[in-house]
Amino acid sequence: MGVVGFGDTIAFLPLPRTGRYQSLDHWRGLACLAVLVNHSVWIAGDSGSWTATERWFVALAQRFWLGVPLFFVISGYCIAATVDAHERREKGTLRAYLLRRIRRIFPPYWIVLSAAALVVALIDLLPASPLTSGAEHLFLRPWWYSTWQWVGNVTLTEQWRTNIFGGQKAWFLGQAWTLSYEEQFYLVAALLLWSMPRRFFAGATAVSVIVAGIAVSASRTQFPVQGFFVDGSWLQFYLGVVVYFSINYASGQGRALVCATLALFTILIPVVFGTVTSDVKTVSQSYFVAILFATTLIPLQGIDHITAKAKTLEPLRYAGLMCYSLYLVHLPLNKMVEAGFRWFRMPSSPWLTVPACAAVSIPLAWLFHLKVERRFMVLAGAAGSREAPSLSSR
């Protein structure tokens, strides 16, 4: 049907060209393992004895936060596919959409949050607790958090709560800040689904234009929007929506135009915002990684069937399948491994810390995935079927 504009109604859209983008599981796995490695290197007192190779590896690993913008783009793609396939075409209800999102995210998160708080509280009873004593304070004591901070943690609103209710922002599970943005993305997608179900892509584009304007204005006026999706974070999710639309509805010329536009933005970001190679993570780096990834996903979909069947990439696929479990459990487990290293005065060489954290986190994440997470992946009203993981499946 040629290039279908983002403003065209769904009534004139053909069926999506492709089914599930299978190799997104591999990308999810790669992104999740990158974040695991990023959280598996730490600088202890003996870092001065590191070799040049160790220092180089740590400098590289400290940039593996780039797995987060990859996740955001993948999430945007998966939610666009969910809305397109189940809500607009199959006339699913808004209530069903929200319940699936809540069921998918919150119960596994609450279980890990509760377990981590309980373990920290019990270990804190030990003399000179390795987790909560000393200058490191790998975990703050659960009772140090205020009621409002616990409300923010439990509801995944802590990232923006302080802008409204004041106080200090404090996550018990440090990685949960990404879920706060994820939650907001789901809610905005739900509002678009409710208000303009036949023009979802047009609505998502309009929201992106508004968000970009607010983010730029806030950066100049210092208006407090950090933690809200309007701080610009929505745009990384929107890139996934663009990828989904381009692959499924745009013509060959349309896809080429999208890729060229995205490539232009990857060139402009360093020009407008400065270098993207800074040692310190910057907003421009996050956008650069997200746009570059989105640009790559579109042409790579053409060899998706080959990538998905590659035996050498099977470990990445398995990591992608359990990525939400690994995302949830890895950081508290890594901190406990770090506490053990510090307690026994073991050298913090990355050749020791990364394998140790992986050896603890990956098996326990797989067990959590099998015994806990999968119970919440079953779609309501579809016995035996399982929801394809989105970003929230990290």
Protein backbone atom coordinates (compact mmCIF):
# COMPACT_ATOMS: atom_id res chain seq x y z
CA MET A 1 0.00 0.00 0.00
CA GLY A 2 3.03 2.28 -0.19
CA VAL A 3 4.17 4.50 2.64
CA VAL A 4 1.55 4.68 5.34
CA GLY A 5 1.77 7.90 7.29
CA PHE A 6 1.82 7.97 11.07
CA GLY A 7 -1.46 9.86 10.90
CA ASP A 8 -3.35 7.25 8.86
CA THR A 9 -6.14 5.39 10.62
CA ILE A 10 -5.86 1.72 11.42
CA ALA A 11 -8.84 0.98 9.22
CA PHE A 12 -6.61 1.46 6.18
CA LEU A 13 -3.60 -0.40 7.52
CA PRO A 14 -2.80 -3.88 6.24
CA LEU A 15 -1.82 -6.65 8.59
CA PRO A 16 1.71 -6.28 9.97
CA ARG A 17 4.27 -7.69 7.56
CA THR A 18 6.13 -9.67 10.13
CA GLY A 19 5.40 -11.62 13.23
CA ARG A 20 7.48 -11.36 16.34
CA TYR A 21 10.97 -9.89 15.92
CA GLN A 22 12.59 -13.04 17.29
CA SER A 23 16.14 -11.82 17.64
CA LEU A 24 15.01 -9.11 20.05
CA ASP A 25 15.44 -11.85 22.66
CA HIS A 26 19.13 -11.93 21.75
CA TRP A 27 19.41 -8.17 21.98
CA ARG A 28 17.65 -8.23 25.34
CA GLY A 29 20.11 -10.85 26.54
CA LEU A 30 23.09 -8.82 25.33
CA ALA A 31 21.74 -5.66 26.99
CA CYS A 32 21.02 -7.43 30.27
CA LEU A 33 24.45 -9.08 30.41
CA ALA A 34 26.04 -5.70 29.68
CA VAL A 35 24.26 -4.20 32.69
CA LEU A 36 25.28 -7.21 34.80
CA VAL A 37 28.94 -6.65 33.91
CA ASN A 38 28.56 -2.91 34.53
CA HIS A 39 27.41 -3.67 38.08
CA SER A 40 30.07 -6.35 38.60
CA VAL A 41 33.09 -4.08 38.64
CA TRP A 42 33.84 -1.86 41.57
CA ILE A 43 36.88 0.06 42.73
CA ALA A 44 38.24 -1.06 46.07
CA GLY A 45 41.35 -0.04 47.96
CA ASP A 46 43.63 -2.27 45.93
CA SER A 47 42.76 -0.74 42.54
CA GLY A 48 46.19 0.87 42.44
CA SER A 49 47.70 -2.55 41.83
CA TRP A 50 45.58 -3.27 38.77
CA THR A 51 47.35 -3.98 35.52
CA ALA A 52 46.83 -1.82 32.46
CA THR A 53 44.56 -4.53 30.99
CA GLU A 54 42.41 -4.56 34.13
CA ARG A 55 42.08 -0.79 34.07
CA TRP A 56 41.11 -0.86 30.41
CA PHE A 57 38.46 -3.53 31.03
CA VAL A 58 36.97 -1.65 33.99
CA ALA A 59 36.83 1.57 31.95
CA LEU A 60 34.99 -0.38 29.23
CA ALA A 61 32.64 -2.15 31.65
CA GLN A 62 31.70 1.13 33.30
CA ARG A 63 30.23 2.17 29.94
CA PHE A 64 28.03 -0.91 29.72
CA TRP A 65 25.15 1.12 31.15
CA LEU A 66 24.35 1.40 27.43
CA GLY A 67 22.22 -1.71 27.91
CA VAL A 68 19.52 0.55 29.43
CA PRO A 69 18.73 2.65 26.30
CA LEU A 70 18.72 -0.62 24.33
CA PHE A 71 16.07 -1.91 26.70
CA PHE A 72 13.99 1.24 26.34
CA VAL A 73 13.98 0.95 22.54
CA ILE A 74 13.07 -2.75 22.70
CA SER A 75 10.26 -1.97 25.13
CA GLY A 76 8.86 0.66 22.79
CA TYR A 77 8.85 -1.88 19.97
CA CYS A 78 7.15 -4.58 22.05
CA ILE A 79 4.44 -2.33 23.45
CA ALA A 80 3.71 -0.97 19.96
CA ALA A 81 3.33 -4.57 18.79
CA THR A 82 1.09 -5.39 21.77
CA VAL A 83 -1.17 -2.39 21.22
CA ASP A 84 -1.32 -3.04 17.47
CA ALA A 85 -2.00 -6.77 17.66
CA HIS A 86 -4.13 -7.21 20.75
CA GLU A 87 -5.76 -3.92 21.59
CA ARG A 88 -6.60 -2.28 18.26
CA ARG A 89 -6.95 -5.25 15.93
CA GLU A 90 -8.38 -7.76 18.37
CA LYS A 91 -10.36 -5.12 20.28
CA GLY A 92 -8.84 -5.89 23.63
CA THR A 93 -10.01 -3.74 26.50
CA LEU A 94 -8.00 -1.00 28.15
CA ARG A 95 -8.58 -2.71 31.48
CA ALA A 96 -7.05 -5.95 30.15
CA TYR A 97 -4.04 -4.04 28.82
CA LEU A 98 -3.37 -2.37 32.18
CA LEU A 99 -3.91 -5.55 34.17
CA ARG A 100 -1.41 -7.42 31.99
CA ARG A 101 1.19 -4.70 32.51
CA ILE A 102 0.60 -4.64 36.29
CA ARG A 103 0.69 -8.44 36.52
CA ARG A 104 3.83 -8.61 34.41
CA ILE A 105 5.87 -6.03 36.34
CA PHE A 106 4.78 -5.69 39.94
CA PRO A 107 4.48 -9.16 41.56
CA PRO A 108 8.04 -10.30 40.64
CA TYR A 109 9.39 -6.88 41.61
CA TRP A 110 7.59 -6.91 44.96
CA ILE A 111 8.92 -10.39 45.72
CA VAL A 112 12.54 -9.37 45.07
CA LEU A 113 12.11 -6.07 46.94
CA SER A 114 10.66 -7.84 49.98
CA ALA A 115 13.26 -10.61 49.94
CA ALA A 116 16.15 -8.15 49.63
CA ALA A 117 14.82 -5.99 52.49
CA LEU A 118 14.36 -9.07 54.69
CA VAL A 119 17.83 -10.45 53.98
CA VAL A 120 19.48 -7.08 54.64
CA ALA A 121 17.54 -6.70 57.88
CA LEU A 122 18.57 -10.18 59.06
CA ILE A 123 22.23 -9.75 58.11
CA ASP A 124 22.25 -6.39 59.85
CA LEU A 125 21.68 -8.27 63.13
CA LEU A 126 25.20 -9.67 62.78
CA PRO A 127 28.02 -7.86 64.55
CA ALA A 128 29.72 -5.50 62.10
CA SER A 129 27.37 -6.45 59.27
CA PRO A 130 29.22 -6.70 55.94
CA LEU A 131 26.24 -5.17 54.14
CA THR A 132 25.30 -2.16 56.24
CA SER A 133 28.39 -1.38 58.29
CA GLY A 134 31.49 0.59 57.38
CA ALA A 135 31.96 3.45 54.99
CA GLU A 136 30.63 1.58 51.95
CA HIS A 137 27.03 1.07 53.16
CA LEU A 138 26.26 -1.27 50.28
CA PHE A 139 22.67 -1.33 51.54
CA LEU A 140 20.91 1.21 53.68
CA ARG A 141 18.96 -0.31 56.54
CA PRO A 142 15.30 -0.81 55.56
CA TRP A 143 14.10 1.22 58.54
CA TRP A 144 16.15 4.20 57.45
CA TYR A 145 13.68 4.79 54.62
CA SER A 146 10.75 7.08 55.28
CA THR A 147 7.15 6.03 54.71
CA TRP A 148 7.01 8.17 51.57
CA GLN A 149 10.20 6.61 50.25
CA TRP A 150 8.80 3.11 50.76
CA VAL A 151 5.57 4.18 49.03
CA GLY A 152 7.67 5.41 46.11
CA ASN A 153 9.63 2.16 46.02
CA VAL A 154 6.59 -0.10 46.18
CA THR A 155 4.64 1.85 43.55
CA LEU A 156 7.69 2.53 41.33
CA THR A 157 7.06 6.27 41.58
CA GLU A 158 10.16 7.14 43.58
CA GLN A 159 11.90 8.54 40.49
CA TRP A 160 9.46 11.48 40.33
CA ARG A 161 7.81 11.44 43.77
CA THR A 162 10.20 14.01 45.23
CA ASN A 163 9.19 16.59 42.59
CA ILE A 164 5.69 16.63 44.10
CA PHE A 165 6.02 15.56 47.73
CA GLY A 166 9.58 16.68 48.42
CA GLY A 167 12.18 14.83 50.42
CA GLN A 168 15.16 12.82 49.21
CA LYS A 169 14.92 10.23 46.46
CA ALA A 170 15.98 6.79 47.66
CA TRP A 171 15.63 3.49 45.80
CA PHE A 172 16.16 0.31 47.79
CA LEU A 173 16.78 -1.61 44.56
CA GLY A 174 18.89 0.87 42.65
CA GLN A 175 18.05 -0.49 39.21
CA ALA A 176 14.30 0.11 39.73
CA TRP A 177 14.58 3.69 38.43
CA THR A 178 14.24 2.31 34.90
CA LEU A 179 10.97 0.61 35.82
CA SER A 180 9.61 3.98 36.91
CA TYR A 181 10.03 5.26 33.35
CA GLU A 182 8.70 1.96 32.03
CA GLU A 183 5.56 2.41 34.14
CA GLN A 184 5.00 5.91 32.78
CA PHE A 185 5.47 4.72 29.19
CA TYR A 186 2.82 2.04 29.71
CA LEU A 187 0.40 4.59 31.17
CA VAL A 188 0.87 7.05 28.31
CA ALA A 189 0.42 4.20 25.81
CA ALA A 190 -2.78 3.26 27.66
CA LEU A 191 -4.07 6.83 27.41
CA LEU A 192 -3.37 6.84 23.66
CA LEU A 193 -5.10 3.49 23.34
CA TRP A 194 -8.13 4.85 25.17
CA SER A 195 -8.32 8.25 23.48
CA MET A 196 -7.28 7.43 19.90
CA PRO A 197 -7.10 3.65 19.37
CA ARG A 198 -7.20 4.00 15.59
CA ARG A 199 -4.46 6.61 15.51
CA PHE A 200 -2.00 5.24 18.04
CA PHE A 201 1.10 5.96 15.94
CA ALA A 202 -0.03 9.53 15.25
CA GLY A 203 -0.69 10.00 18.96
CA ALA A 204 2.72 8.64 19.92
CA THR A 205 4.33 11.03 17.45
CA ALA A 206 2.40 13.99 18.86
CA VAL A 207 3.43 13.06 22.42
CA SER A 208 7.05 12.87 21.29
CA VAL A 209 6.95 16.36 19.79
CA ILE A 210 5.43 17.72 23.02
CA VAL A 211 7.96 15.86 25.19
CA ALA A 212 10.87 17.18 23.13
CA GLY A 213 9.60 20.73 23.54
CA ILE A 214 9.11 20.36 27.29
CA ALA A 215 12.52 18.72 27.77
CA VAL A 216 14.31 21.50 25.90
CA SER A 217 12.39 24.23 27.74
CA ALA A 218 12.97 22.60 31.13
CA SER A 219 16.70 22.33 30.49
CA ARG A 220 16.85 26.08 29.90
CA THR A 221 14.53 27.16 32.71
CA GLN A 222 15.63 24.54 35.26
CA PHE A 223 11.98 23.54 35.70
CA PRO A 224 11.91 20.28 37.74
CA VAL A 225 10.82 17.53 35.34
CA GLN A 226 13.54 14.98 36.09
CA GLY A 227 12.01 11.60 36.76
CA PHE A 228 8.94 12.27 34.64
CA PHE A 229 8.71 10.89 31.10
CA VAL A 230 8.62 14.47 29.83
CA ASP A 231 12.29 14.87 30.79
CA GLY A 232 12.98 13.27 27.41
CA SER A 233 13.07 9.62 28.39
CA TRP A 234 9.86 8.96 26.45
CA LEU A 235 11.78 9.60 23.23
CA GLN A 236 13.90 6.47 23.69
CA PHE A 237 10.73 4.37 23.96
CA TYR A 238 9.27 6.18 20.97
CA LEU A 239 12.24 5.08 18.86
CA GLY A 240 11.03 1.50 19.36
CA VAL A 241 7.57 2.53 18.15
CA VAL A 242 9.19 4.05 15.06
CA VAL A 243 11.10 0.82 14.42
CA TYR A 244 7.91 -1.26 14.71
CA PHE A 245 5.97 1.01 12.36
CA SER A 246 8.80 1.16 9.82
CA ILE A 247 9.27 -2.61 9.69
CA ASN A 248 5.58 -3.45 9.48
CA TYR A 249 3.91 -0.65 7.55
CA ALA A 250 6.41 1.55 5.69
CA SER A 251 7.44 0.84 2.12
CA GLY A 252 11.07 0.22 1.19
CA GLN A 253 11.48 3.91 0.48
CA GLY A 254 9.78 4.76 3.76
CA ARG A 255 12.14 2.54 5.75
CA ALA A 256 15.14 4.04 3.98
CA LEU A 257 13.86 7.53 4.81
CA VAL A 258 13.43 6.61 8.49
CA CYS A 259 16.93 5.09 8.64
CA ALA A 260 18.42 8.16 6.95
CA THR A 261 16.63 10.47 9.39
CA LEU A 262 17.79 8.48 12.40
CA ALA A 263 21.34 8.37 11.04
CA LEU A 264 21.24 12.15 10.66
CA PHE A 265 20.29 12.48 14.33
CA THR A 266 23.21 10.28 15.38
CA ILE A 267 25.48 12.74 13.58
CA LEU A 268 23.77 15.83 14.99
CA ILE A 269 23.83 14.73 18.65
CA PRO A 270 27.63 15.04 19.02
CA VAL A 271 27.53 18.32 17.10
CA VAL A 272 24.72 19.86 19.18
CA PHE A 273 25.40 18.36 22.60
CA GLY A 274 29.14 17.81 22.42
CA THR A 275 31.20 14.66 22.65
CA VAL A 276 29.52 11.33 23.29
CA THR A 277 32.77 9.69 24.41
CA SER A 278 32.89 11.31 27.84
CA ASP A 279 33.99 9.08 30.71
CA VAL A 280 30.93 10.25 32.66
CA LYS A 281 27.53 9.10 31.46
CA THR A 282 25.58 11.93 29.82
CA VAL A 283 22.06 12.35 28.45
CA SER A 284 23.46 12.84 24.95
CA GLN A 285 25.24 9.49 25.20
CA SER A 286 21.95 7.75 26.07
CA TYR A 287 20.18 9.31 23.09
CA PHE A 288 23.10 8.53 20.82
CA VAL A 289 23.08 4.83 21.79
CA ALA A 290 19.27 4.58 21.52
CA ILE A 291 19.11 6.20 18.08
CA LEU A 292 22.04 4.19 16.75
CA PHE A 293 20.40 0.99 18.00
CA ALA A 294 17.04 1.87 16.45
CA THR A 295 18.75 2.66 13.15
CA THR A 296 20.44 -0.75 13.26
CA LEU A 297 17.32 -2.74 14.14
CA ILE A 298 15.43 -1.79 10.97
CA PRO A 299 17.80 -3.29 8.36
CA LEU A 300 18.78 -6.19 10.65
CA GLN A 301 15.17 -7.38 10.69
CA GLY A 302 15.80 -8.68 7.18
CA ILE A 303 18.11 -11.39 8.58
CA ASP A 304 16.06 -11.99 11.73
CA HIS A 305 15.30 -15.59 10.73
CA ILE A 306 19.03 -16.32 10.45
CA THR A 307 19.96 -14.64 13.73
CA ALA A 308 17.14 -16.32 15.62
CA LYS A 309 18.31 -19.80 14.56
CA ALA A 310 22.03 -19.27 15.12
CA LYS A 311 23.22 -21.89 17.63
CA THR A 312 26.18 -19.77 18.68
CA LEU A 313 23.74 -17.08 19.87
CA GLU A 314 21.62 -19.43 21.98
CA PRO A 315 23.15 -18.23 25.28
CA LEU A 316 22.05 -14.69 24.45
CA ARG A 317 18.53 -15.91 23.67
CA TYR A 318 18.27 -17.66 27.03
CA ALA A 319 19.58 -14.55 28.76
CA GLY A 320 16.91 -12.58 26.92
CA LEU A 321 14.14 -14.94 27.97
CA MET A 322 14.99 -14.50 31.65
CA CYS A 323 16.16 -10.89 31.38
CA TYR A 324 13.52 -9.45 33.72
CA SER A 325 14.48 -11.95 36.41
CA LEU A 326 18.17 -11.21 35.89
CA TYR A 327 17.44 -7.50 35.95
CA LEU A 328 15.62 -7.80 39.28
CA VAL A 329 17.97 -10.09 41.20
CA HIS A 330 21.41 -9.23 39.90
CA LEU A 331 22.10 -5.94 41.71
CA PRO A 332 21.31 -7.03 45.29
CA LEU A 333 23.22 -10.27 44.65
CA ASN A 334 26.16 -8.35 43.20
CA LYS A 335 26.24 -6.11 46.27
CA MET A 336 26.32 -9.18 48.50
CA VAL A 337 29.21 -10.59 46.47
CA GLU A 338 30.96 -7.24 46.81
CA ALA A 339 30.36 -7.32 50.57
CA GLY A 340 31.98 -10.75 50.67
CA PHE A 341 35.01 -9.52 48.73
CA ARG A 342 35.42 -6.58 51.09
CA TRP A 343 34.78 -8.67 54.21
CA PHE A 344 37.45 -11.22 53.32
CA ARG A 345 39.76 -8.55 51.85
CA MET A 346 39.85 -10.24 48.47
CA PRO A 347 41.36 -8.38 45.51
CA SER A 348 38.74 -6.59 43.43
CA SER A 349 40.25 -7.49 40.08
CA PRO A 350 37.53 -7.57 37.40
CA TRP A 351 38.84 -11.00 36.38
CA LEU A 352 37.52 -12.15 39.77
CA THR A 353 34.49 -9.93 40.43
CA VAL A 354 32.72 -10.33 37.09
CA PRO A 355 32.84 -14.17 37.05
CA ALA A 356 31.86 -14.27 40.74
CA CYS A 357 28.83 -12.03 40.20
CA ALA A 358 27.80 -13.92 37.08
CA ALA A 359 28.18 -17.27 38.84
CA VAL A 360 25.78 -16.13 41.56
CA SER A 361 23.32 -13.97 39.60
CA ILE A 362 22.70 -16.00 36.44
CA PRO A 363 21.74 -19.36 38.03
CA LEU A 364 19.55 -17.70 40.67
CA ALA A 365 17.92 -15.49 38.03
CA TRP A 366 17.11 -18.57 35.94
CA LEU A 367 15.62 -20.27 38.99
CA PHE A 368 13.58 -17.15 39.77
CA HIS A 369 12.42 -17.04 36.15
CA LEU A 370 11.23 -20.65 36.22
CA LYS A 371 9.64 -20.63 39.68
CA VAL A 372 8.31 -17.07 39.96
CA GLU A 373 8.39 -14.87 36.87
CA ARG A 374 6.77 -17.35 34.50
CA ARG A 375 3.70 -17.54 36.74
CA PHE A 376 2.97 -13.94 35.81
CA MET A 377 3.60 -14.29 32.07
CA VAL A 378 0.36 -16.17 31.33
CA LEU A 379 -2.16 -14.01 29.55
CA ALA A 380 -5.57 -13.72 31.09
CA GLY A 381 -8.12 -15.68 29.13
CA ALA A 382 -5.48 -17.54 27.13
CA ALA A 383 -4.55 -20.62 29.07
CA GLY A 384 -1.13 -21.89 28.25
CA SER A 385 -0.10 -18.87 26.20
CA ARG A 386 2.68 -16.63 27.38
CA GLU A 387 3.28 -13.00 26.78
CA ALA A 388 6.37 -12.14 24.79
CA PRO A 389 8.85 -10.33 27.02
CA SER A 390 9.12 -6.59 26.59
CA LEU A 391 11.52 -4.25 28.33
CA SER A 392 9.89 -5.13 31.58
CA SER A 393 11.10 -8.64 30.99
CA ARG A 394 14.67 -7.53 31.72
